[in-house]
PDB file of all heavy atoms in Angstrom:
ATOM      1  N   MET A   1       0.794  -1.183  -0.030  1.00  0.00           N
ATOM      2  CA  MET A   1       0.057  -0.030   0.014  1.00  0.00           C
ATOM      3  C   MET A   1       0.864   1.306  -0.052  1.00  0.00           C
ATOM      4  O   MET A   1       0.445   2.358  -0.528  1.00  0.00           O
ATOM      5  CB  MET A   1      -0.995  -0.012   1.184  1.00  0.00           C
ATOM      6  CG  MET A   1      -2.150  -0.860   1.094  1.00  0.00           C
ATOM      7  SD  MET A   1      -3.277  -0.283  -0.191  1.00  0.00           S
ATOM      8  CE  MET A   1      -2.997  -1.556  -1.428  1.00  0.00           C
ATOM      9  N   GLY A   2       2.089   1.120   0.569  1.00  0.00           N
ATOM     10  CA  GLY A   2       2.902   2.255   0.482  1.00  0.00           C
ATOM     11  C   GLY A   2       3.260   2.762  -0.812  1.00  0.00           C
ATOM     12  O   GLY A   2       3.155   3.921  -1.319  1.00  0.00           O
ATOM     13  N   LEU A   3       3.743   1.801  -1.683  1.00  0.00           N
ATOM     14  CA  LEU A   3       4.043   2.069  -3.100  1.00  0.00           C
ATOM     15  C   LEU A   3       2.662   2.421  -3.866  1.00  0.00           C
ATOM     16  O   LEU A   3       2.707   3.420  -4.656  1.00  0.00           O
ATOM     17  CB  LEU A   3       4.605   0.780  -3.819  1.00  0.00           C
ATOM     18  CG  LEU A   3       5.961   0.484  -3.262  1.00  0.00           C
ATOM     19  CD1 LEU A   3       6.399  -0.898  -4.031  1.00  0.00           C
ATOM     20  CD2 LEU A   3       7.019   1.525  -3.491  1.00  0.00           C
ATOM     21  N   PHE A   4       1.589   1.750  -3.633  1.00  0.00           N
ATOM     22  CA  PHE A   4       0.323   2.007  -4.313  1.00  0.00           C
ATOM     23  C   PHE A   4      -0.192   3.518  -4.013  1.00  0.00           C
ATOM     24  O   PHE A   4      -0.420   4.186  -4.983  1.00  0.00           O
ATOM     25  CB  PHE A   4      -0.638   1.078  -3.995  1.00  0.00           C
ATOM     26  CG  PHE A   4      -2.053   1.250  -4.645  1.00  0.00           C
ATOM     27  CD1 PHE A   4      -2.108   0.797  -5.893  1.00  0.00           C
ATOM     28  CD2 PHE A   4      -3.075   1.861  -4.094  1.00  0.00           C
ATOM     29  CE1 PHE A   4      -3.278   0.984  -6.673  1.00  0.00           C
ATOM     30  CE2 PHE A   4      -4.305   2.142  -4.814  1.00  0.00           C
ATOM     31  CZ  PHE A   4      -4.448   1.655  -6.046  1.00  0.00           C
ATOM     32  N   LYS A   5      -0.172   3.871  -2.802  1.00  0.00           N
ATOM     33  CA  LYS A   5      -0.681   5.244  -2.455  1.00  0.00           C
ATOM     34  C   LYS A   5       0.212   6.310  -2.912  1.00  0.00           C
ATOM     35  O   LYS A   5      -0.173   7.418  -3.087  1.00  0.00           O
ATOM     36  CB  LYS A   5      -0.889   5.273  -0.955  1.00  0.00           C
ATOM     37  CG  LYS A   5      -2.005   4.503  -0.455  1.00  0.00           C
ATOM     38  CD  LYS A   5      -3.415   5.094  -0.833  1.00  0.00           C
ATOM     39  CE  LYS A   5      -4.514   4.515  -0.070  1.00  0.00           C
ATOM     40  NZ  LYS A   5      -5.903   5.140  -0.398  1.00  0.00           N
ATOM     41  N   ALA A   6       1.580   5.934  -2.943  1.00  0.00           N
ATOM     42  CA  ALA A   6       2.553   6.909  -3.589  1.00  0.00           C
ATOM     43  C   ALA A   6       2.539   6.967  -5.060  1.00  0.00           C
ATOM     44  O   ALA A   6       3.272   7.858  -5.582  1.00  0.00           O
ATOM     45  CB  ALA A   6       3.947   6.616  -3.099  1.00  0.00           C
ATOM     46  N   GLY A   7       1.693   6.200  -5.784  1.00  0.00           N
ATOM     47  CA  GLY A   7       1.713   6.210  -7.190  1.00  0.00           C
ATOM     48  C   GLY A   7       2.817   5.532  -7.907  1.00  0.00           C
ATOM     49  O   GLY A   7       3.004   5.701  -9.050  1.00  0.00           O
ATOM     50  N   LYS A   8       3.573   4.755  -7.133  1.00  0.00           N
ATOM     51  CA  LYS A   8       4.740   4.099  -7.641  1.00  0.00           C
ATOM     52  C   LYS A   8       4.364   2.748  -8.173  1.00  0.00           C
ATOM     53  O   LYS A   8       4.737   1.628  -7.775  1.00  0.00           O
ATOM     54  CB  LYS A   8       5.801   3.944  -6.667  1.00  0.00           C
ATOM     55  CG  LYS A   8       6.429   5.376  -6.219  1.00  0.00           C
ATOM     56  CD  LYS A   8       7.560   5.114  -5.082  1.00  0.00           C
ATOM     57  CE  LYS A   8       8.078   6.487  -4.721  1.00  0.00           C
ATOM     58  NZ  LYS A   8       9.100   6.442  -3.637  1.00  0.00           N
ATOM     59  N   LEU A   9       3.525   2.697  -9.322  1.00  0.00           N
ATOM     60  CA  LEU A   9       2.838   1.567  -9.713  1.00  0.00           C
ATOM     61  C   LEU A   9       3.718   0.597 -10.489  1.00  0.00           C
ATOM     62  O   LEU A   9       3.586  -0.571 -10.448  1.00  0.00           O
ATOM     63  CB  LEU A   9       1.628   1.978 -10.696  1.00  0.00           C
ATOM     64  CG  LEU A   9       0.691   2.876  -9.982  1.00  0.00           C
ATOM     65  CD1 LEU A   9      -0.606   3.084 -10.838  1.00  0.00           C
ATOM     66  CD2 LEU A   9       0.126   2.350  -8.657  1.00  0.00           C
ATOM     67  N   ASP A  10       4.806   1.261 -11.169  1.00  0.00           N
ATOM     68  CA  ASP A  10       5.788   0.236 -11.807  1.00  0.00           C
ATOM     69  C   ASP A  10       6.574  -0.465 -10.820  1.00  0.00           C
ATOM     70  O   ASP A  10       6.837  -1.721 -11.041  1.00  0.00           O
ATOM     71  CB  ASP A  10       6.733   1.084 -12.736  1.00  0.00           C
ATOM     72  CG  ASP A  10       6.042   1.704 -13.981  1.00  0.00           C
ATOM     73  OD1 ASP A  10       4.924   1.171 -14.343  1.00  0.00           O
ATOM     74  OD2 ASP A  10       6.636   2.705 -14.493  1.00  0.00           O
ATOM     75  N   MET A  11       6.979   0.211  -9.745  1.00  0.00           N
ATOM     76  CA  MET A  11       7.721  -0.513  -8.637  1.00  0.00           C
ATOM     77  C   MET A  11       6.767  -1.571  -8.013  1.00  0.00           C
ATOM     78  O   MET A  11       7.213  -2.775  -7.676  1.00  0.00           O
ATOM     79  CB  MET A  11       8.173   0.505  -7.610  1.00  0.00           C
ATOM     80  CG  MET A  11       9.414   1.434  -8.131  1.00  0.00           C
ATOM     81  SD  MET A  11       9.821   2.546  -6.744  1.00  0.00           S
ATOM     82  CE  MET A  11      10.468   1.388  -5.538  1.00  0.00           C
ATOM     83  N   LEU A  12       5.553  -1.271  -7.795  1.00  0.00           N
ATOM     84  CA  LEU A  12       4.660  -2.123  -7.234  1.00  0.00           C
ATOM     85  C   LEU A  12       4.365  -3.362  -8.127  1.00  0.00           C
ATOM     86  O   LEU A  12       4.472  -4.526  -7.682  1.00  0.00           O
ATOM     87  CB  LEU A  12       3.217  -1.434  -7.007  1.00  0.00           C
ATOM     88  CG  LEU A  12       2.124  -2.341  -6.537  1.00  0.00           C
ATOM     89  CD1 LEU A  12       2.552  -2.814  -5.046  1.00  0.00           C
ATOM     90  CD2 LEU A  12       0.786  -1.496  -6.415  1.00  0.00           C
ATOM     91  N   PHE A  13       4.271  -3.283  -9.408  1.00  0.00           N
ATOM     92  CA  PHE A  13       4.191  -4.269 -10.401  1.00  0.00           C
ATOM     93  C   PHE A  13       5.430  -5.187 -10.289  1.00  0.00           C
ATOM     94  O   PHE A  13       5.416  -6.488 -10.186  1.00  0.00           O
ATOM     95  CB  PHE A  13       3.988  -3.833 -11.668  1.00  0.00           C
ATOM     96  CG  PHE A  13       4.018  -4.822 -12.848  1.00  0.00           C
ATOM     97  CD1 PHE A  13       2.955  -5.621 -12.967  1.00  0.00           C
ATOM     98  CD2 PHE A  13       5.124  -5.028 -13.621  1.00  0.00           C
ATOM     99  CE1 PHE A  13       2.982  -6.748 -13.944  1.00  0.00           C
ATOM    100  CE2 PHE A  13       5.090  -5.979 -14.557  1.00  0.00           C
ATOM    101  CZ  PHE A  13       4.089  -6.781 -14.826  1.00  0.00           C
ATOM    102  N   ASP A  14       6.595  -4.592 -10.358  1.00  0.00           N
ATOM    103  CA  ASP A  14       7.836  -5.353 -10.344  1.00  0.00           C
ATOM    104  C   ASP A  14       8.033  -6.140  -8.996  1.00  0.00           C
ATOM    105  O   ASP A  14       8.521  -7.197  -9.073  1.00  0.00           O
ATOM    106  CB  ASP A  14       9.054  -4.323 -10.454  1.00  0.00           C
ATOM    107  CG  ASP A  14       9.060  -3.713 -11.899  1.00  0.00           C
ATOM    108  OD1 ASP A  14       8.473  -4.229 -12.740  1.00  0.00           O
ATOM    109  OD2 ASP A  14       9.893  -2.695 -12.018  1.00  0.00           O
ATOM    110  N   GLU A  15       7.471  -5.540  -7.907  1.00  0.00           N
ATOM    111  CA  GLU A  15       7.619  -6.278  -6.628  1.00  0.00           C
ATOM    112  C   GLU A  15       6.754  -7.585  -6.710  1.00  0.00           C
ATOM    113  O   GLU A  15       7.155  -8.635  -6.243  1.00  0.00           O
ATOM    114  CB  GLU A  15       7.133  -5.452  -5.455  1.00  0.00           C
ATOM    115  CG  GLU A  15       7.102  -6.147  -4.104  1.00  0.00           C
ATOM    116  CD  GLU A  15       6.804  -5.165  -2.985  1.00  0.00           C
ATOM    117  OE1 GLU A  15       7.652  -4.283  -2.785  1.00  0.00           O
ATOM    118  OE2 GLU A  15       5.755  -5.320  -2.248  1.00  0.00           O
ATOM    119  N   LEU A  16       5.553  -7.426  -7.233  1.00  0.00           N
ATOM    120  CA  LEU A  16       4.598  -8.616  -7.379  1.00  0.00           C
ATOM    121  C   LEU A  16       5.240  -9.718  -8.188  1.00  0.00           C
ATOM    122  O   LEU A  16       5.194 -10.872  -7.894  1.00  0.00           O
ATOM    123  CB  LEU A  16       3.298  -8.190  -7.903  1.00  0.00           C
ATOM    124  CG  LEU A  16       2.346  -7.350  -7.017  1.00  0.00           C
ATOM    125  CD1 LEU A  16       1.129  -6.902  -7.711  1.00  0.00           C
ATOM    126  CD2 LEU A  16       1.877  -8.200  -5.812  1.00  0.00           C
ATOM    127  N   VAL A  17       5.843  -9.241  -9.311  1.00  0.00           N
ATOM    128  CA  VAL A  17       6.437 -10.145 -10.281  1.00  0.00           C
ATOM    129  C   VAL A  17       7.619 -10.944  -9.574  1.00  0.00           C
ATOM    130  O   VAL A  17       7.773 -12.064  -9.779  1.00  0.00           O
ATOM    131  CB  VAL A  17       6.831  -9.533 -11.541  1.00  0.00           C
ATOM    132  CG1 VAL A  17       7.714 -10.389 -12.407  1.00  0.00           C
ATOM    133  CG2 VAL A  17       5.652  -8.957 -12.361  1.00  0.00           C
ATOM    134  N   ALA A  18       8.364 -10.229  -8.859  1.00  0.00           N
ATOM    135  CA  ALA A  18       9.558 -10.795  -8.125  1.00  0.00           C
ATOM    136  C   ALA A  18       9.136 -11.857  -7.081  1.00  0.00           C
ATOM    137  O   ALA A  18       9.691 -12.935  -6.972  1.00  0.00           O
ATOM    138  CB  ALA A  18      10.294  -9.655  -7.537  1.00  0.00           C
ATOM    139  N   ILE A  19       8.010 -11.598  -6.418  1.00  0.00           N
ATOM    140  CA  ILE A  19       7.503 -12.496  -5.388  1.00  0.00           C
ATOM    141  C   ILE A  19       6.925 -13.648  -6.173  1.00  0.00           C
ATOM    142  O   ILE A  19       7.076 -14.861  -5.752  1.00  0.00           O
ATOM    143  CB  ILE A  19       6.439 -11.786  -4.415  1.00  0.00           C
ATOM    144  CG1 ILE A  19       7.133 -10.738  -3.653  1.00  0.00           C
ATOM    145  CG2 ILE A  19       5.811 -12.847  -3.610  1.00  0.00           C
ATOM    146  CD1 ILE A  19       6.181  -9.832  -2.805  1.00  0.00           C
ATOM    147  N   ARG A  20       6.100 -13.417  -7.122  1.00  0.00           N
ATOM    148  CA  ARG A  20       5.443 -14.498  -7.968  1.00  0.00           C
ATOM    149  C   ARG A  20       6.495 -15.408  -8.436  1.00  0.00           C
ATOM    150  O   ARG A  20       6.191 -16.667  -8.391  1.00  0.00           O
ATOM    151  CB  ARG A  20       4.734 -13.802  -9.062  1.00  0.00           C
ATOM    152  CG  ARG A  20       4.180 -14.859 -10.200  1.00  0.00           C
ATOM    153  CD  ARG A  20       2.975 -15.608  -9.684  1.00  0.00           C
ATOM    154  NE  ARG A  20       3.300 -16.826  -9.079  1.00  0.00           N
ATOM    155  CZ  ARG A  20       2.415 -17.656  -8.562  1.00  0.00           C
ATOM    156  NH1 ARG A  20       1.196 -17.343  -8.754  1.00  0.00           N
ATOM    157  NH2 ARG A  20       2.813 -18.755  -7.938  1.00  0.00           N
ATOM    158  N   ALA A  21       7.683 -14.966  -8.888  1.00  0.00           N
ATOM    159  CA  ALA A  21       8.715 -15.725  -9.385  1.00  0.00           C
ATOM    160  C   ALA A  21       9.284 -16.801  -8.440  1.00  0.00           C
ATOM    161  O   ALA A  21       9.816 -17.825  -8.765  1.00  0.00           O
ATOM    162  CB  ALA A  21       9.824 -14.898  -9.972  1.00  0.00           C
ATOM    163  N   GLN A  22       9.214 -16.470  -7.143  1.00  0.00           N
ATOM    164  CA  GLN A  22       9.683 -17.317  -6.029  1.00  0.00           C
ATOM    165  C   GLN A  22       8.747 -18.434  -5.660  1.00  0.00           C
ATOM    166  O   GLN A  22       9.079 -19.270  -4.805  1.00  0.00           O
ATOM    167  CB  GLN A  22      10.104 -16.437  -4.788  1.00  0.00           C
ATOM    168  CG  GLN A  22      11.202 -15.436  -5.156  1.00  0.00           C
ATOM    169  CD  GLN A  22      12.471 -16.050  -5.523  1.00  0.00           C
ATOM    170  OE1 GLN A  22      12.957 -17.033  -5.068  1.00  0.00           O
ATOM    171  NE2 GLN A  22      13.059 -15.449  -6.575  1.00  0.00           N
ATOM    172  N   LEU A  23       7.556 -18.423  -6.216  1.00  0.00           N
ATOM    173  CA  LEU A  23       6.476 -19.240  -5.822  1.00  0.00           C
ATOM    174  C   LEU A  23       5.923 -20.070  -6.979  1.00  0.00           C
ATOM    175  O   LEU A  23       4.631 -20.082  -7.152  1.00  0.00           O
ATOM    176  CB  LEU A  23       5.335 -18.506  -5.107  1.00  0.00           C
ATOM    177  CG  LEU A  23       5.731 -17.791  -3.741  1.00  0.00           C
ATOM    178  CD1 LEU A  23       4.684 -16.703  -3.413  1.00  0.00           C
ATOM    179  CD2 LEU A  23       5.887 -18.795  -2.710  1.00  0.00           C
ATOM    180  N   PRO A  24       6.780 -20.717  -7.728  1.00  0.00           N
ATOM    181  CA  PRO A  24       6.221 -21.366  -8.955  1.00  0.00           C
ATOM    182  C   PRO A  24       5.310 -22.563  -8.767  1.00  0.00           C
ATOM    183  O   PRO A  24       4.484 -22.955  -9.513  1.00  0.00           O
ATOM    184  CB  PRO A  24       7.519 -21.925  -9.636  1.00  0.00           C
ATOM    185  CG  PRO A  24       8.479 -22.048  -8.444  1.00  0.00           C
ATOM    186  CD  PRO A  24       8.146 -20.888  -7.514  1.00  0.00           C
ATOM    187  N   LEU A  25       5.371 -23.099  -7.495  1.00  0.00           N
ATOM    188  CA  LEU A  25       4.556 -24.298  -7.109  1.00  0.00           C
ATOM    189  C   LEU A  25       3.421 -24.064  -6.317  1.00  0.00           C
ATOM    190  O   LEU A  25       2.589 -24.915  -5.923  1.00  0.00           O
ATOM    191  CB  LEU A  25       5.444 -25.265  -6.432  1.00  0.00           C
ATOM    192  CG  LEU A  25       6.731 -25.764  -6.991  1.00  0.00           C
ATOM    193  CD1 LEU A  25       7.549 -26.629  -6.056  1.00  0.00           C
ATOM    194  CD2 LEU A  25       6.499 -26.326  -8.419  1.00  0.00           C
ATOM    195  N   LYS A  26       3.150 -22.702  -5.979  1.00  0.00           N
ATOM    196  CA  LYS A  26       2.001 -22.221  -5.139  1.00  0.00           C
ATOM    197  C   LYS A  26       1.079 -21.381  -5.864  1.00  0.00           C
ATOM    198  O   LYS A  26       1.476 -20.610  -6.767  1.00  0.00           O
ATOM    199  CB  LYS A  26       2.627 -21.510  -3.913  1.00  0.00           C
ATOM    200  CG  LYS A  26       3.789 -22.159  -3.214  1.00  0.00           C
ATOM    201  CD  LYS A  26       3.528 -23.630  -2.740  1.00  0.00           C
ATOM    202  CE  LYS A  26       4.849 -24.197  -2.056  1.00  0.00           C
ATOM    203  NZ  LYS A  26       4.576 -25.726  -1.763  1.00  0.00           N
ATOM    204  N   LYS A  27      -0.166 -21.378  -5.364  1.00  0.00           N
ATOM    205  CA  LYS A  27      -1.158 -20.341  -5.824  1.00  0.00           C
ATOM    206  C   LYS A  27      -0.855 -19.017  -5.017  1.00  0.00           C
ATOM    207  O   LYS A  27      -0.446 -19.212  -3.806  1.00  0.00           O
ATOM    208  CB  LYS A  27      -2.580 -20.759  -5.606  1.00  0.00           C
ATOM    209  CG  LYS A  27      -3.075 -21.782  -6.653  1.00  0.00           C
ATOM    210  CD  LYS A  27      -4.605 -22.067  -6.341  1.00  0.00           C
ATOM    211  CE  LYS A  27      -5.034 -23.029  -7.409  1.00  0.00           C
ATOM    212  NZ  LYS A  27      -6.484 -23.432  -7.182  1.00  0.00           N
ATOM    213  N   LEU A  28      -0.948 -17.933  -5.613  1.00  0.00           N
ATOM    214  CA  LEU A  28      -0.659 -16.646  -4.992  1.00  0.00           C
ATOM    215  C   LEU A  28      -1.963 -15.947  -4.881  1.00  0.00           C
ATOM    216  O   LEU A  28      -2.562 -15.441  -5.842  1.00  0.00           O
ATOM    217  CB  LEU A  28       0.318 -15.878  -5.776  1.00  0.00           C
ATOM    218  CG  LEU A  28       0.713 -14.546  -5.280  1.00  0.00           C
ATOM    219  CD1 LEU A  28       1.387 -14.626  -3.825  1.00  0.00           C
ATOM    220  CD2 LEU A  28       1.616 -13.717  -6.142  1.00  0.00           C
ATOM    221  N   LYS A  29      -2.295 -15.497  -3.625  1.00  0.00           N
ATOM    222  CA  LYS A  29      -3.377 -14.629  -3.423  1.00  0.00           C
ATOM    223  C   LYS A  29      -2.913 -13.264  -3.094  1.00  0.00           C
ATOM    224  O   LYS A  29      -2.097 -13.178  -2.080  1.00  0.00           O
ATOM    225  CB  LYS A  29      -4.303 -15.176  -2.253  1.00  0.00           C
ATOM    226  CG  LYS A  29      -5.022 -16.506  -2.521  1.00  0.00           C
ATOM    227  CD  LYS A  29      -6.182 -16.669  -1.620  1.00  0.00           C
ATOM    228  CE  LYS A  29      -6.614 -18.080  -1.448  1.00  0.00           C
ATOM    229  NZ  LYS A  29      -5.788 -18.815  -0.518  1.00  0.00           N
ATOM    230  N   VAL A  30      -3.357 -12.239  -3.612  1.00  0.00           N
ATOM    231  CA  VAL A  30      -2.879 -10.861  -3.366  1.00  0.00           C
ATOM    232  C   VAL A  30      -4.056 -10.056  -2.681  1.00  0.00           C
ATOM    233  O   VAL A  30      -5.179  -9.957  -3.205  1.00  0.00           O
ATOM    234  CB  VAL A  30      -2.396 -10.056  -4.648  1.00  0.00           C
ATOM    235  CG1 VAL A  30      -2.144  -8.693  -4.258  1.00  0.00           C
ATOM    236  CG2 VAL A  30      -1.275 -10.823  -5.221  1.00  0.00           C
ATOM    237  N   ILE A  31      -3.730  -9.600  -1.411  1.00  0.00           N
ATOM    238  CA  ILE A  31      -4.647  -8.957  -0.647  1.00  0.00           C
ATOM    239  C   ILE A  31      -4.639  -7.477  -0.889  1.00  0.00           C
ATOM    240  O   ILE A  31      -3.576  -6.809  -0.836  1.00  0.00           O
ATOM    241  CB  ILE A  31      -4.510  -9.156   0.923  1.00  0.00           C
ATOM    242  CG1 ILE A  31      -4.233 -10.710   1.141  1.00  0.00           C
ATOM    243  CG2 ILE A  31      -5.523  -8.487   1.706  1.00  0.00           C
ATOM    244  CD1 ILE A  31      -3.800 -10.963   2.536  1.00  0.00           C
ATOM    245  N   LEU A  32      -5.815  -6.862  -1.253  1.00  0.00           N
ATOM    246  CA  LEU A  32      -5.841  -5.491  -1.574  1.00  0.00           C
ATOM    247  C   LEU A  32      -6.076  -4.465  -0.416  1.00  0.00           C
ATOM    248  O   LEU A  32      -5.767  -3.323  -0.478  1.00  0.00           O
ATOM    249  CB  LEU A  32      -7.031  -5.231  -2.630  1.00  0.00           C
ATOM    250  CG  LEU A  32      -6.967  -6.011  -3.856  1.00  0.00           C
ATOM    251  CD1 LEU A  32      -8.034  -5.453  -4.851  1.00  0.00           C
ATOM    252  CD2 LEU A  32      -5.616  -6.015  -4.515  1.00  0.00           C
ATOM    253  N   GLU A  33      -6.552  -5.015   0.740  1.00  0.00           N
ATOM    254  CA  GLU A  33      -7.006  -4.189   1.891  1.00  0.00           C
ATOM    255  C   GLU A  33      -7.941  -3.088   1.355  1.00  0.00           C
ATOM    256  O   GLU A  33      -7.728  -1.873   1.484  1.00  0.00           O
ATOM    257  CB  GLU A  33      -5.759  -3.608   2.476  1.00  0.00           C
ATOM    258  CG  GLU A  33      -5.921  -3.254   3.992  1.00  0.00           C
ATOM    259  CD  GLU A  33      -6.107  -4.523   4.898  1.00  0.00           C
ATOM    260  OE1 GLU A  33      -7.120  -5.239   4.682  1.00  0.00           O
ATOM    261  OE2 GLU A  33      -5.257  -4.709   5.749  1.00  0.00           O
ATOM    262  N   THR A  34      -9.159  -3.501   0.977  1.00  0.00           N
ATOM    263  CA  THR A  34     -10.085  -2.680   0.293  1.00  0.00           C
ATOM    264  C   THR A  34     -10.629  -1.594   1.176  1.00  0.00           C
ATOM    265  O   THR A  34     -11.118  -0.578   0.744  1.00  0.00           O
ATOM    266  CB  THR A  34     -11.216  -3.524  -0.219  1.00  0.00           C
ATOM    267  OG1 THR A  34     -11.902  -4.282   0.697  1.00  0.00           O
ATOM    268  CG2 THR A  34     -10.744  -4.368  -1.458  1.00  0.00           C
ATOM    269  N   ALA A  35     -10.525  -1.893   2.476  1.00  0.00           N
ATOM    270  CA  ALA A  35     -11.185  -0.883   3.436  1.00  0.00           C
ATOM    271  C   ALA A  35     -10.436   0.534   3.405  1.00  0.00           C
ATOM    272  O   ALA A  35     -11.037   1.590   3.949  1.00  0.00           O
ATOM    273  CB  ALA A  35     -11.191  -1.358   4.889  1.00  0.00           C
ATOM    274  N   VAL A  36      -9.221   0.495   2.869  1.00  0.00           N
ATOM    275  CA  VAL A  36      -8.452   1.765   2.790  1.00  0.00           C
ATOM    276  C   VAL A  36      -8.361   2.286   1.347  1.00  0.00           C
ATOM    277  O   VAL A  36      -7.704   3.257   1.107  1.00  0.00           O
ATOM    278  CB  VAL A  36      -7.065   1.671   3.452  1.00  0.00           C
ATOM    279  CG1 VAL A  36      -7.100   1.142   4.814  1.00  0.00           C
ATOM    280  CG2 VAL A  36      -6.216   0.605   2.571  1.00  0.00           C
ATOM    281  N   LEU A  37      -9.285   1.645   0.477  1.00  0.00           N
ATOM    282  CA  LEU A  37      -9.207   2.124  -0.927  1.00  0.00           C
ATOM    283  C   LEU A  37     -10.523   2.686  -1.406  1.00  0.00           C
ATOM    284  O   LEU A  37     -11.583   2.249  -0.960  1.00  0.00           O
ATOM    285  CB  LEU A  37      -8.792   0.923  -1.848  1.00  0.00           C
ATOM    286  CG  LEU A  37      -7.445   0.225  -1.565  1.00  0.00           C
ATOM    287  CD1 LEU A  37      -7.345  -0.992  -2.442  1.00  0.00           C
ATOM    288  CD2 LEU A  37      -6.268   1.184  -1.740  1.00  0.00           C
ATOM    289  N   SER A  38     -10.462   3.649  -2.310  1.00  0.00           N
ATOM    290  CA  SER A  38     -11.623   4.092  -2.970  1.00  0.00           C
ATOM    291  C   SER A  38     -12.095   3.110  -4.004  1.00  0.00           C
ATOM    292  O   SER A  38     -11.354   2.112  -4.356  1.00  0.00           O
ATOM    293  CB  SER A  38     -11.299   5.399  -3.619  1.00  0.00           C
ATOM    294  OG  SER A  38     -10.536   5.276  -4.668  1.00  0.00           O
ATOM    295  N   LYS A  39     -13.190   3.281  -4.542  1.00  0.00           N
ATOM    296  CA  LYS A  39     -13.709   2.437  -5.594  1.00  0.00           C
ATOM    297  C   LYS A  39     -12.812   2.437  -6.871  1.00  0.00           C
ATOM    298  O   LYS A  39     -12.490   1.356  -7.343  1.00  0.00           O
ATOM    299  CB  LYS A  39     -15.139   2.936  -6.119  1.00  0.00           C
ATOM    300  CG  LYS A  39     -15.776   2.038  -7.100  1.00  0.00           C
ATOM    301  CD  LYS A  39     -17.179   2.536  -7.361  1.00  0.00           C
ATOM    302  CE  LYS A  39     -17.832   1.613  -8.507  1.00  0.00           C
ATOM    303  NZ  LYS A  39     -19.360   2.037  -8.827  1.00  0.00           N
ATOM    304  N   LYS A  40     -12.322   3.597  -7.242  1.00  0.00           N
ATOM    305  CA  LYS A  40     -11.290   3.661  -8.341  1.00  0.00           C
ATOM    306  C   LYS A  40     -10.120   2.924  -8.016  1.00  0.00           C
ATOM    307  O   LYS A  40      -9.580   2.239  -8.885  1.00  0.00           O
ATOM    308  CB  LYS A  40     -11.049   5.018  -8.685  1.00  0.00           C
ATOM    309  CG  LYS A  40     -10.134   5.307  -9.861  1.00  0.00           C
ATOM    310  CD  LYS A  40      -9.929   6.734 -10.132  1.00  0.00           C
ATOM    311  CE  LYS A  40      -8.984   6.934 -11.334  1.00  0.00           C
ATOM    312  NZ  LYS A  40      -8.869   8.367 -11.705  1.00  0.00           N
ATOM    313  N   GLU A  41      -9.559   3.059  -6.674  1.00  0.00           N
ATOM    314  CA  GLU A  41      -8.383   2.428  -6.317  1.00  0.00           C
ATOM    315  C   GLU A  41      -8.455   0.988  -6.299  1.00  0.00           C
ATOM    316  O   GLU A  41      -7.525   0.219  -6.604  1.00  0.00           O
ATOM    317  CB  GLU A  41      -7.910   3.079  -5.017  1.00  0.00           C
ATOM    318  CG  GLU A  41      -7.442   4.369  -5.029  1.00  0.00           C
ATOM    319  CD  GLU A  41      -7.108   4.946  -3.626  1.00  0.00           C
ATOM    320  OE1 GLU A  41      -7.829   4.568  -2.661  1.00  0.00           O
ATOM    321  OE2 GLU A  41      -6.194   5.814  -3.514  1.00  0.00           O
ATOM    322  N   ILE A  42      -9.655   0.387  -5.836  1.00  0.00           N
ATOM    323  CA  ILE A  42      -9.944  -0.957  -5.893  1.00  0.00           C
ATOM    324  C   ILE A  42      -9.813  -1.546  -7.287  1.00  0.00           C
ATOM    325  O   ILE A  42      -9.170  -2.616  -7.516  1.00  0.00           O
ATOM    326  CB  ILE A  42     -11.316  -1.329  -5.266  1.00  0.00           C
ATOM    327  CG1 ILE A  42     -11.271  -1.068  -3.822  1.00  0.00           C
ATOM    328  CG2 ILE A  42     -11.584  -2.870  -5.563  1.00  0.00           C
ATOM    329  CD1 ILE A  42     -12.707  -1.119  -3.110  1.00  0.00           C
TER     330      ILE A  42
END
């Protein structure tokens, strides 16, 4: 959320990709924490 709220979306995407790459054998659930997001942000 720190990267997301700061608008650093490229860094955020790269972070997700890097984590995903370490979990080739697992399903990955990404939590948005919707209570702190607007409709557009969700």
